[in-house]
Structures are given as C-alpha cells and as structure tokens.
Amino acid sequence: MKRPADLSPGSVAFLAAVATGGVGVVGAASGSWRFGATLIGAALLFGSLARFLLPDRMSGLLRVRRKAFDVLWMAALGSGIVVLAVLVPEGV
C-alpha cells in the first residue's frame, strides 16, 4: 500500500482539484451557487495548469488522454464555468 509520501505530484494536484471541486459542489448545494460554480471552475483550471506543467510520468490521475487534449478540455470547461458564474444575473 502506498503511503502519502509515495504520492506523485500529479496525484497530489488531482486530490487538491477534487477537494476544491467538492467544496464548490457543497457551496453550490447550500445556496451560494455563484461561489460554488467559481470554485468548481477554479478546480478545473488548476487541474489544467497542473497537467500542463507536469511531465507525463508524474501527472498521475490528471492524465486521461494526450496532454494537449487534457489541458485544453479542462481549461475550456473551467473558463466556461467561471465566465457563466460571473455573467449570469443575480435574479436567475
């Protein structure tokens, strides 16, 4: 069994992104949807940046497909979610 010291930097980045996304889901479910959506988008942007910076052998669970696809897809989703959280009017 792996100890926490044996985790790759990509696995640590993945866990940080998932934890941030989870806090965002809880925030959105508790009524602060704009804050929650912003955190979810930020988690995706963080995952995209981590996938971009880390080499393939160290990327852990952030590696799904080729690096370009992973980075562009997570960045597009994260940016889109943050932009929607900012642009949607308050009364909706």
PDB file of N, CA and C in Angstrom:
ATOM      1  N   MET A   1       0.833  -1.178   0.000  1.00  0.00           N
ATOM      2  CA  MET A   1       0.000   0.000   0.000  1.00  0.00           C
ATOM      3  C   MET A   1       0.879   1.244   0.000  1.00  0.00           C
ATOM      4  N   LYS A   2       0.469   2.256  -0.788  1.00  0.00           N
ATOM      5  CA  LYS A   2       1.255   3.480  -0.870  1.00  0.00           C
ATOM      6  C   LYS A   2       1.021   4.364   0.347  1.00  0.00           C
ATOM      7  N   ARG A   3       2.088   4.906   0.840  1.00  0.00           N
ATOM      8  CA  ARG A   3       1.994   5.898   1.899  1.00  0.00           C
ATOM      9  C   ARG A   3       1.833   7.271   1.271  1.00  0.00           C
ATOM     10  N   PRO A   4       1.359   8.268   2.005  1.00  0.00           N
ATOM     11  CA  PRO A   4       1.213   9.613   1.429  1.00  0.00           C
ATOM     12  C   PRO A   4       2.512  10.171   0.869  1.00  0.00           C
ATOM     13  N   ALA A   5       3.652   9.784   1.438  1.00  0.00           N
ATOM     14  CA  ALA A   5       4.930  10.278   0.938  1.00  0.00           C
ATOM     15  C   ALA A   5       5.251   9.707  -0.437  1.00  0.00           C
ATOM     16  N   ASP A   6       4.591   8.620  -0.842  1.00  0.00           N
ATOM     17  CA  ASP A   6       4.859   7.996  -2.123  1.00  0.00           C
ATOM     18  C   ASP A   6       3.996   8.552  -3.254  1.00  0.00           C
ATOM     19  N   LEU A   7       3.112   9.495  -2.959  1.00  0.00           N
ATOM     20  CA  LEU A   7       2.242  10.034  -3.982  1.00  0.00           C
ATOM     21  C   LEU A   7       3.026  10.907  -4.958  1.00  0.00           C
ATOM     22  N   SER A   8       2.676  10.799  -6.230  1.00  0.00           N
ATOM     23  CA  SER A   8       3.320  11.637  -7.236  1.00  0.00           C
ATOM     24  C   SER A   8       2.750  13.054  -7.147  1.00  0.00           C
ATOM     25  N   PRO A   9       3.479  14.036  -7.676  1.00  0.00           N
ATOM     26  CA  PRO A   9       2.946  15.409  -7.676  1.00  0.00           C
ATOM     27  C   PRO A   9       1.616  15.509  -8.418  1.00  0.00           C
ATOM     28  N   GLY A  10       1.432  14.705  -9.445  1.00  0.00           N
ATOM     29  CA  GLY A  10       0.169  14.715 -10.171  1.00  0.00           C
ATOM     30  C   GLY A  10      -0.979  14.202  -9.328  1.00  0.00           C
ATOM     31  N   SER A  11      -0.710  13.202  -8.507  1.00  0.00           N
ATOM     32  CA  SER A  11      -1.755  12.690  -7.622  1.00  0.00           C
ATOM     33  C   SER A  11      -2.128  13.708  -6.556  1.00  0.00           C
ATOM     34  N   VAL A  12      -1.150  14.420  -6.045  1.00  0.00           N
ATOM     35  CA  VAL A  12      -1.431  15.465  -5.060  1.00  0.00           C
ATOM     36  C   VAL A  12      -2.243  16.590  -5.709  1.00  0.00           C
ATOM     37  N   ALA A  13      -1.874  16.982  -6.939  1.00  0.00           N
ATOM     38  CA  ALA A  13      -2.627  18.021  -7.647  1.00  0.00           C
ATOM     39  C   ALA A  13      -4.047  17.544  -7.935  1.00  0.00           C
ATOM     40  N   PHE A  14      -4.202  16.282  -8.301  1.00  0.00           N
ATOM     41  CA  PHE A  14      -5.529  15.728  -8.556  1.00  0.00           C
ATOM     42  C   PHE A  14      -6.381  15.767  -7.291  1.00  0.00           C
ATOM     43  N   LEU A  15      -5.814  15.354  -6.171  1.00  0.00           N
ATOM     44  CA  LEU A  15      -6.552  15.382  -4.910  1.00  0.00           C
ATOM     45  C   LEU A  15      -6.935  16.803  -4.512  1.00  0.00           C
ATOM     46  N   ALA A  16      -6.045  17.758  -4.748  1.00  0.00           N
ATOM     47  CA  ALA A  16      -6.358  19.158  -4.440  1.00  0.00           C
ATOM     48  C   ALA A  16      -7.493  19.666  -5.325  1.00  0.00           C
ATOM     49  N   ALA A  17      -7.462  19.309  -6.606  1.00  0.00           N
ATOM     50  CA  ALA A  17      -8.519  19.749  -7.524  1.00  0.00           C
ATOM     51  C   ALA A  17      -9.861  19.108  -7.156  1.00  0.00           C
ATOM     52  N   VAL A  18      -9.852  17.828  -6.819  1.00  0.00           N
ATOM     53  CA  VAL A  18     -11.092  17.143  -6.442  1.00  0.00           C
ATOM     54  C   VAL A  18     -11.645  17.720  -5.136  1.00  0.00           C
ATOM     55  N   ALA A  19     -10.766  17.993  -4.176  1.00  0.00           N
ATOM     56  CA  ALA A  19     -11.219  18.573  -2.904  1.00  0.00           C
ATOM     57  C   ALA A  19     -11.818  19.958  -3.123  1.00  0.00           C
ATOM     58  N   THR A  20     -11.178  20.771  -3.952  1.00  0.00           N
ATOM     59  CA  THR A  20     -11.701  22.104  -4.248  1.00  0.00           C
ATOM     60  C   THR A  20     -13.035  22.009  -4.978  1.00  0.00           C
ATOM     61  N   GLY A  21     -13.129  21.093  -5.926  1.00  0.00           N
ATOM     62  CA  GLY A  21     -14.395  20.887  -6.618  1.00  0.00           C
ATOM     63  C   GLY A  21     -15.486  20.409  -5.677  1.00  0.00           C
ATOM     64  N   GLY A  22     -15.135  19.556  -4.737  1.00  0.00           N
ATOM     65  CA  GLY A  22     -16.107  19.085  -3.750  1.00  0.00           C
ATOM     66  C   GLY A  22     -16.613  20.203  -2.862  1.00  0.00           C
ATOM     67  N   VAL A  23     -15.715  21.079  -2.444  1.00  0.00           N
ATOM     68  CA  VAL A  23     -16.135  22.239  -1.653  1.00  0.00           C
ATOM     69  C   VAL A  23     -17.049  23.128  -2.497  1.00  0.00           C
ATOM     70  N   GLY A  24     -16.747  23.242  -3.785  1.00  0.00           N
ATOM     71  CA  GLY A  24     -17.600  24.019  -4.676  1.00  0.00           C
ATOM     72  C   GLY A  24     -18.990  23.422  -4.819  1.00  0.00           C
ATOM     73  N   VAL A  25     -19.068  22.103  -4.909  1.00  0.00           N
ATOM     74  CA  VAL A  25     -20.379  21.438  -5.005  1.00  0.00           C
ATOM     75  C   VAL A  25     -21.175  21.658  -3.728  1.00  0.00           C
ATOM     76  N   VAL A  26     -20.516  21.532  -2.579  1.00  0.00           N
ATOM     77  CA  VAL A  26     -21.207  21.765  -1.307  1.00  0.00           C
ATOM     78  C   VAL A  26     -21.656  23.223  -1.214  1.00  0.00           C
ATOM     79  N   GLY A  27     -20.812  24.143  -1.641  1.00  0.00           N
ATOM     80  CA  GLY A  27     -21.189  25.550  -1.620  1.00  0.00           C
ATOM     81  C   GLY A  27     -22.368  25.839  -2.528  1.00  0.00           C
ATOM     82  N   ALA A  28     -22.366  25.250  -3.706  1.00  0.00           N
ATOM     83  CA  ALA A  28     -23.487  25.455  -4.629  1.00  0.00           C
ATOM     84  C   ALA A  28     -24.764  24.829  -4.091  1.00  0.00           C
ATOM     85  N   ALA A  29     -24.654  23.681  -3.461  1.00  0.00           N
ATOM     86  CA  ALA A  29     -25.835  22.999  -2.918  1.00  0.00           C
ATOM     87  C   ALA A  29     -26.404  23.734  -1.700  1.00  0.00           C
ATOM     88  N   SER A  30     -25.561  24.445  -1.003  1.00  0.00           N
ATOM     89  CA  SER A  30     -26.032  25.140   0.196  1.00  0.00           C
ATOM     90  C   SER A  30     -26.644  26.501  -0.115  1.00  0.00           C
ATOM     91  N   GLY A  31     -26.695  26.873  -1.381  1.00  0.00           N
ATOM     92  CA  GLY A  31     -27.373  28.104  -1.752  1.00  0.00           C
ATOM     93  C   GLY A  31     -26.505  29.168  -2.377  1.00  0.00           C
ATOM     94  N   SER A  32     -25.219  29.097  -2.218  1.00  0.00           N
ATOM     95  CA  SER A  32     -24.322  30.079  -2.818  1.00  0.00           C
ATOM     96  C   SER A  32     -23.793  29.527  -4.138  1.00  0.00           C
ATOM     97  N   TRP A  33     -24.674  29.486  -5.146  1.00  0.00           N
ATOM     98  CA  TRP A  33     -24.320  28.817  -6.396  1.00  0.00           C
ATOM     99  C   TRP A  33     -23.191  29.527  -7.122  1.00  0.00           C
ATOM    100  N   ARG A  34     -23.135  30.845  -7.035  1.00  0.00           N
ATOM    101  CA  ARG A  34     -22.080  31.585  -7.746  1.00  0.00           C
ATOM    102  C   ARG A  34     -20.696  31.261  -7.163  1.00  0.00           C
ATOM    103  N   PHE A  35     -20.608  31.228  -5.848  1.00  0.00           N
ATOM    104  CA  PHE A  35     -19.351  30.865  -5.188  1.00  0.00           C
ATOM    105  C   PHE A  35     -18.968  29.414  -5.512  1.00  0.00           C
ATOM    106  N   GLY A  36     -19.957  28.519  -5.447  1.00  0.00           N
ATOM    107  CA  GLY A  36     -19.696  27.114  -5.737  1.00  0.00           C
ATOM    108  C   GLY A  36     -19.250  26.893  -7.170  1.00  0.00           C
ATOM    109  N   ALA A  37     -19.918  27.547  -8.118  1.00  0.00           N
ATOM    110  CA  ALA A  37     -19.541  27.402  -9.523  1.00  0.00           C
ATOM    111  C   ALA A  37     -18.151  27.966  -9.781  1.00  0.00           C
ATOM    112  N   THR A  38     -17.825  29.062  -9.125  1.00  0.00           N
ATOM    113  CA  THR A  38     -16.488  29.636  -9.279  1.00  0.00           C
ATOM    114  C   THR A  38     -15.420  28.691  -8.751  1.00  0.00           C
ATOM    115  N   LEU A  39     -15.686  28.045  -7.624  1.00  0.00           N
ATOM    116  CA  LEU A  39     -14.714  27.081  -7.080  1.00  0.00           C
ATOM    117  C   LEU A  39     -14.565  25.864  -7.993  1.00  0.00           C
ATOM    118  N   ILE A  40     -15.653  25.388  -8.551  1.00  0.00           N
ATOM    119  CA  ILE A  40     -15.578  24.242  -9.468  1.00  0.00           C
ATOM    120  C   ILE A  40     -14.760  24.617 -10.703  1.00  0.00           C
ATOM    121  N   GLY A  41     -15.014  25.793 -11.258  1.00  0.00           N
ATOM    122  CA  GLY A  41     -14.234  26.259 -12.403  1.00  0.00           C
ATOM    123  C   GLY A  41     -12.767  26.440 -12.064  1.00  0.00           C
ATOM    124  N   ALA A  42     -12.501  26.978 -10.873  1.00  0.00           N
ATOM    125  CA  ALA A  42     -11.113  27.160 -10.442  1.00  0.00           C
ATOM    126  C   ALA A  42     -10.406  25.815 -10.275  1.00  0.00           C
ATOM    127  N   ALA A  43     -11.125  24.817  -9.781  1.00  0.00           N
ATOM    128  CA  ALA A  43     -10.532  23.477  -9.638  1.00  0.00           C
ATOM    129  C   ALA A  43     -10.159  22.908 -11.002  1.00  0.00           C
ATOM    130  N   LEU A  44     -11.021  23.107 -11.990  1.00  0.00           N
ATOM    131  CA  LEU A  44     -10.697  22.632 -13.338  1.00  0.00           C
ATOM    132  C   LEU A  44      -9.519  23.397 -13.930  1.00  0.00           C
ATOM    133  N   LEU A  45      -9.472  24.698 -13.705  1.00  0.00           N
ATOM    134  CA  LEU A  45      -8.339  25.482 -14.206  1.00  0.00           C
ATOM    135  C   LEU A  45      -7.041  25.077 -13.519  1.00  0.00           C
ATOM    136  N   PHE A  46      -7.109  24.802 -12.224  1.00  0.00           N
ATOM    137  CA  PHE A  46      -5.921  24.327 -11.511  1.00  0.00           C
ATOM    138  C   PHE A  46      -5.457  22.975 -12.066  1.00  0.00           C
ATOM    139  N   GLY A  47      -6.404  22.072 -12.293  1.00  0.00           N
ATOM    140  CA  GLY A  47      -6.053  20.770 -12.869  1.00  0.00           C
ATOM    141  C   GLY A  47      -5.435  20.910 -14.241  1.00  0.00           C
ATOM    142  N   SER A  48      -5.952  21.834 -15.032  1.00  0.00           N
ATOM    143  CA  SER A  48      -5.395  22.079 -16.358  1.00  0.00           C
ATOM    144  C   SER A  48      -3.966  22.607 -16.273  1.00  0.00           C
ATOM    145  N   LEU A  49      -3.740  23.538 -15.368  1.00  0.00           N
ATOM    146  CA  LEU A  49      -2.387  24.082 -15.193  1.00  0.00           C
ATOM    147  C   LEU A  49      -1.424  23.013 -14.694  1.00  0.00           C
ATOM    148  N   ALA A  50      -1.865  22.206 -13.740  1.00  0.00           N
ATOM    149  CA  ALA A  50      -1.005  21.142 -13.221  1.00  0.00           C
ATOM    150  C   ALA A  50      -0.678  20.131 -14.315  1.00  0.00           C
ATOM    151  N   ARG A  51      -1.664  19.775 -15.120  1.00  0.00           N
ATOM    152  CA  ARG A  51      -1.431  18.820 -16.217  1.00  0.00           C
ATOM    153  C   ARG A  51      -0.464  19.400 -17.233  1.00  0.00           C
ATOM    154  N   PHE A  52      -0.547  20.711 -17.482  1.00  0.00           N
ATOM    155  CA  PHE A  52       0.352  21.369 -18.422  1.00  0.00           C
ATOM    156  C   PHE A  52       1.793  21.380 -17.910  1.00  0.00           C
ATOM    157  N   LEU A  53       1.965  21.654 -16.625  1.00  0.00           N
ATOM    158  CA  LEU A  53       3.305  21.819 -16.075  1.00  0.00           C
ATOM    159  C   LEU A  53       4.014  20.504 -15.768  1.00  0.00           C
ATOM    160  N   LEU A  54       3.275  19.473 -15.403  1.00  0.00           N
ATOM    161  CA  LEU A  54       3.898  18.217 -15.002  1.00  0.00           C
ATOM    162  C   LEU A  54       4.189  17.328 -16.211  1.00  0.00           C
ATOM    163  N   PRO A  55       5.324  16.634 -16.182  1.00  0.00           N
ATOM    164  CA  PRO A  55       5.586  15.669 -17.259  1.00  0.00           C
ATOM    165  C   PRO A  55       4.623  14.484 -17.168  1.00  0.00           C
ATOM    166  N   ASP A  56       4.468  13.770 -18.272  1.00  0.00           N
ATOM    167  CA  ASP A  56       3.510  12.663 -18.326  1.00  0.00           C
ATOM    168  C   ASP A  56       3.755  11.620 -17.241  1.00  0.00           C
ATOM    169  N   ARG A  57       5.003  11.317 -16.953  1.00  0.00           N
ATOM    170  CA  ARG A  57       5.294  10.259 -15.977  1.00  0.00           C
ATOM    171  C   ARG A  57       4.950  10.665 -14.548  1.00  0.00           C
ATOM    172  N   MET A  58       4.761  11.959 -14.301  1.00  0.00           N
ATOM    173  CA  MET A  58       4.445  12.439 -12.961  1.00  0.00           C
ATOM    174  C   MET A  58       3.024  12.980 -12.841  1.00  0.00           C
ATOM    175  N   SER A  59       2.221  12.871 -13.892  1.00  0.00           N
ATOM    176  CA  SER A  59       0.914  13.536 -13.893  1.00  0.00           C
ATOM    177  C   SER A  59      -0.172  12.760 -13.174  1.00  0.00           C
ATOM    178  N   GLY A  60       0.063  11.523 -12.811  1.00  0.00           N
ATOM    179  CA  GLY A  60      -0.887  10.762 -12.008  1.00  0.00           C
ATOM    180  C   GLY A  60      -2.248  10.641 -12.665  1.00  0.00           C
ATOM    181  N   LEU A  61      -3.305  10.830 -11.872  1.00  0.00           N
ATOM    182  CA  LEU A  61      -4.661  10.674 -12.368  1.00  0.00           C
ATOM    183  C   LEU A  61      -5.131  11.849 -13.213  1.00  0.00           C
ATOM    184  N   LEU A  62      -4.330  12.909 -13.345  1.00  0.00           N
ATOM    185  CA  LEU A  62      -4.670  14.000 -14.253  1.00  0.00           C
ATOM    186  C   LEU A  62      -4.521  13.570 -15.707  1.00  0.00           C
ATOM    187  N   ARG A  63      -3.767  12.521 -15.935  1.00  0.00           N
ATOM    188  CA  ARG A  63      -3.524  12.044 -17.291  1.00  0.00           C
ATOM    189  C   ARG A  63      -4.664  11.127 -17.719  1.00  0.00           C
ATOM    190  N   VAL A  64      -5.431  11.581 -18.694  1.00  0.00           N
ATOM    191  CA  VAL A  64      -6.527  10.783 -19.230  1.00  0.00           C
ATOM    192  C   VAL A  64      -6.244  10.459 -20.685  1.00  0.00           C
ATOM    193  N   ARG A  65      -5.930  11.476 -21.452  1.00  0.00           N
ATOM    194  CA  ARG A  65      -5.605  11.308 -22.858  1.00  0.00           C
ATOM    195  C   ARG A  65      -4.278  12.005 -23.122  1.00  0.00           C
ATOM    196  N   ARG A  66      -4.104  12.512 -24.325  1.00  0.00           N
ATOM    197  CA  ARG A  66      -2.873  13.251 -24.604  1.00  0.00           C
ATOM    198  C   ARG A  66      -2.871  14.560 -23.829  1.00  0.00           C
ATOM    199  N   LYS A  67      -1.690  15.078 -23.586  1.00  0.00           N
ATOM    200  CA  LYS A  67      -1.552  16.282 -22.767  1.00  0.00           C
ATOM    201  C   LYS A  67      -2.338  17.453 -23.353  1.00  0.00           C
ATOM    202  N   ALA A  68      -2.239  17.670 -24.664  1.00  0.00           N
ATOM    203  CA  ALA A  68      -2.926  18.808 -25.273  1.00  0.00           C
ATOM    204  C   ALA A  68      -4.434  18.711 -25.072  1.00  0.00           C
ATOM    205  N   PHE A  69      -4.999  17.535 -25.250  1.00  0.00           N
ATOM    206  CA  PHE A  69      -6.436  17.359 -25.069  1.00  0.00           C
ATOM    207  C   PHE A  69      -6.832  17.608 -23.619  1.00  0.00           C
ATOM    208  N   ASP A  70      -6.104  17.024 -22.693  1.00  0.00           N
ATOM    209  CA  ASP A  70      -6.427  17.192 -21.272  1.00  0.00           C
ATOM    210  C   ASP A  70      -6.385  18.665 -20.865  1.00  0.00           C
ATOM    211  N   VAL A  71      -5.325  19.353 -21.251  1.00  0.00           N
ATOM    212  CA  VAL A  71      -5.152  20.753 -20.865  1.00  0.00           C
ATOM    213  C   VAL A  71      -6.239  21.621 -21.487  1.00  0.00           C
ATOM    214  N   LEU A  72      -6.458  21.472 -22.789  1.00  0.00           N
ATOM    215  CA  LEU A  72      -7.449  22.315 -23.465  1.00  0.00           C
ATOM    216  C   LEU A  72      -8.863  22.046 -22.972  1.00  0.00           C
ATOM    217  N   TRP A  73      -9.201  20.786 -22.758  1.00  0.00           N
ATOM    218  CA  TRP A  73     -10.550  20.447 -22.324  1.00  0.00           C
ATOM    219  C   TRP A  73     -10.827  20.968 -20.915  1.00  0.00           C
ATOM    220  N   MET A  74      -9.912  20.736 -19.991  1.00  0.00           N
ATOM    221  CA  MET A  74     -10.125  21.228 -18.627  1.00  0.00           C
ATOM    222  C   MET A  74     -10.116  22.754 -18.578  1.00  0.00           C
ATOM    223  N   ALA A  75      -9.242  23.388 -19.370  1.00  0.00           N
ATOM    224  CA  ALA A  75      -9.198  24.856 -19.382  1.00  0.00           C
ATOM    225  C   ALA A  75     -10.483  25.438 -19.969  1.00  0.00           C
ATOM    226  N   ALA A  76     -10.999  24.824 -21.020  1.00  0.00           N
ATOM    227  CA  ALA A  76     -12.237  25.316 -21.629  1.00  0.00           C
ATOM    228  C   ALA A  76     -13.417  25.158 -20.666  1.00  0.00           C
ATOM    229  N   LEU A  77     -13.525  24.002 -20.026  1.00  0.00           N
ATOM    230  CA  LEU A  77     -14.613  23.783 -19.072  1.00  0.00           C
ATOM    231  C   LEU A  77     -14.495  24.734 -17.877  1.00  0.00           C
ATOM    232  N   GLY A  78     -13.309  24.838 -17.316  1.00  0.00           N
ATOM    233  CA  GLY A  78     -13.109  25.717 -16.163  1.00  0.00           C
ATOM    234  C   GLY A  78     -13.383  27.172 -16.493  1.00  0.00           C
ATOM    235  N   SER A  79     -12.888  27.635 -17.632  1.00  0.00           N
ATOM    236  CA  SER A  79     -13.124  29.019 -18.041  1.00  0.00           C
ATOM    237  C   SER A  79     -14.602  29.269 -18.288  1.00  0.00           C
ATOM    238  N   GLY A  80     -15.249  28.327 -18.949  1.00  0.00           N
ATOM    239  CA  GLY A  80     -16.673  28.477 -19.221  1.00  0.00           C
ATOM    240  C   GLY A  80     -17.506  28.554 -17.958  1.00  0.00           C
ATOM    241  N   ILE A  81     -17.191  27.730 -16.995  1.00  0.00           N
ATOM    242  CA  ILE A  81     -17.948  27.736 -15.743  1.00  0.00           C
ATOM    243  C   ILE A  81     -17.724  29.038 -14.978  1.00  0.00           C
ATOM    244  N   VAL A  82     -16.494  29.515 -14.930  1.00  0.00           N
ATOM    245  CA  VAL A  82     -16.208  30.772 -14.229  1.00  0.00           C
ATOM    246  C   VAL A  82     -16.886  31.945 -14.935  1.00  0.00           C
ATOM    247  N   VAL A  83     -16.822  31.974 -16.257  1.00  0.00           N
ATOM    248  CA  VAL A  83     -17.464  33.057 -17.005  1.00  0.00           C
ATOM    249  C   VAL A  83     -18.975  33.043 -16.774  1.00  0.00           C
ATOM    250  N   LEU A  84     -19.587  31.874 -16.798  1.00  0.00           N
ATOM    251  CA  LEU A  84     -21.024  31.795 -16.540  1.00  0.00           C
ATOM    252  C   LEU A  84     -21.367  32.239 -15.122  1.00  0.00           C
ATOM    253  N   ALA A  85     -20.538  31.871 -14.165  1.00  0.00           N
ATOM    254  CA  ALA A  85     -20.795  32.282 -12.778  1.00  0.00           C
ATOM    255  C   ALA A  85     -20.735  33.792 -12.630  1.00  0.00           C
ATOM    256  N   VAL A  86     -19.892  34.435 -13.415  1.00  0.00           N
ATOM    257  CA  VAL A  86     -19.757  35.888 -13.335  1.00  0.00           C
ATOM    258  C   VAL A  86     -20.872  36.590 -14.122  1.00  0.00           C
ATOM    259  N   LEU A  87     -21.246  36.045 -15.282  1.00  0.00           N
ATOM    260  CA  LEU A  87     -22.169  36.742 -16.171  1.00  0.00           C
ATOM    261  C   LEU A  87     -23.644  36.522 -15.896  1.00  0.00           C
ATOM    262  N   VAL A  88     -24.022  35.428 -15.280  1.00  0.00           N
ATOM    263  CA  VAL A  88     -25.454  35.151 -15.049  1.00  0.00           C
ATOM    264  C   VAL A  88     -25.985  36.176 -14.045  1.00  0.00           C
ATOM    265  N   PRO A  89     -27.102  36.822 -14.375  1.00  0.00           N
ATOM    266  CA  PRO A  89     -27.666  37.836 -13.462  1.00  0.00           C
ATOM    267  C   PRO A  89     -28.061  37.221 -12.118  1.00  0.00           C
ATOM    268  N   GLU A  90     -28.106  38.052 -11.112  1.00  0.00           N
ATOM    269  CA  GLU A  90     -28.362  37.590  -9.738  1.00  0.00           C
ATOM    270  C   GLU A  90     -29.759  37.009  -9.552  1.00  0.00           C
ATOM    271  N   GLY A  91     -30.747  37.505 -10.241  1.00  0.00           N
ATOM    272  CA  GLY A  91     -32.123  37.060 -10.029  1.00  0.00           C
ATOM    273  C   GLY A  91     -32.465  35.714 -10.634  1.00  0.00           C
ATOM    274  N   VAL A  92     -31.552  35.101 -11.371  1.00  0.00           N
ATOM    275  CA  VAL A  92     -31.851  33.834 -12.060  1.00  0.00           C
ATOM    276  C   VAL A  92     -31.556  32.666 -11.163  1.00  0.00           C
TER     277      VAL A  92
END
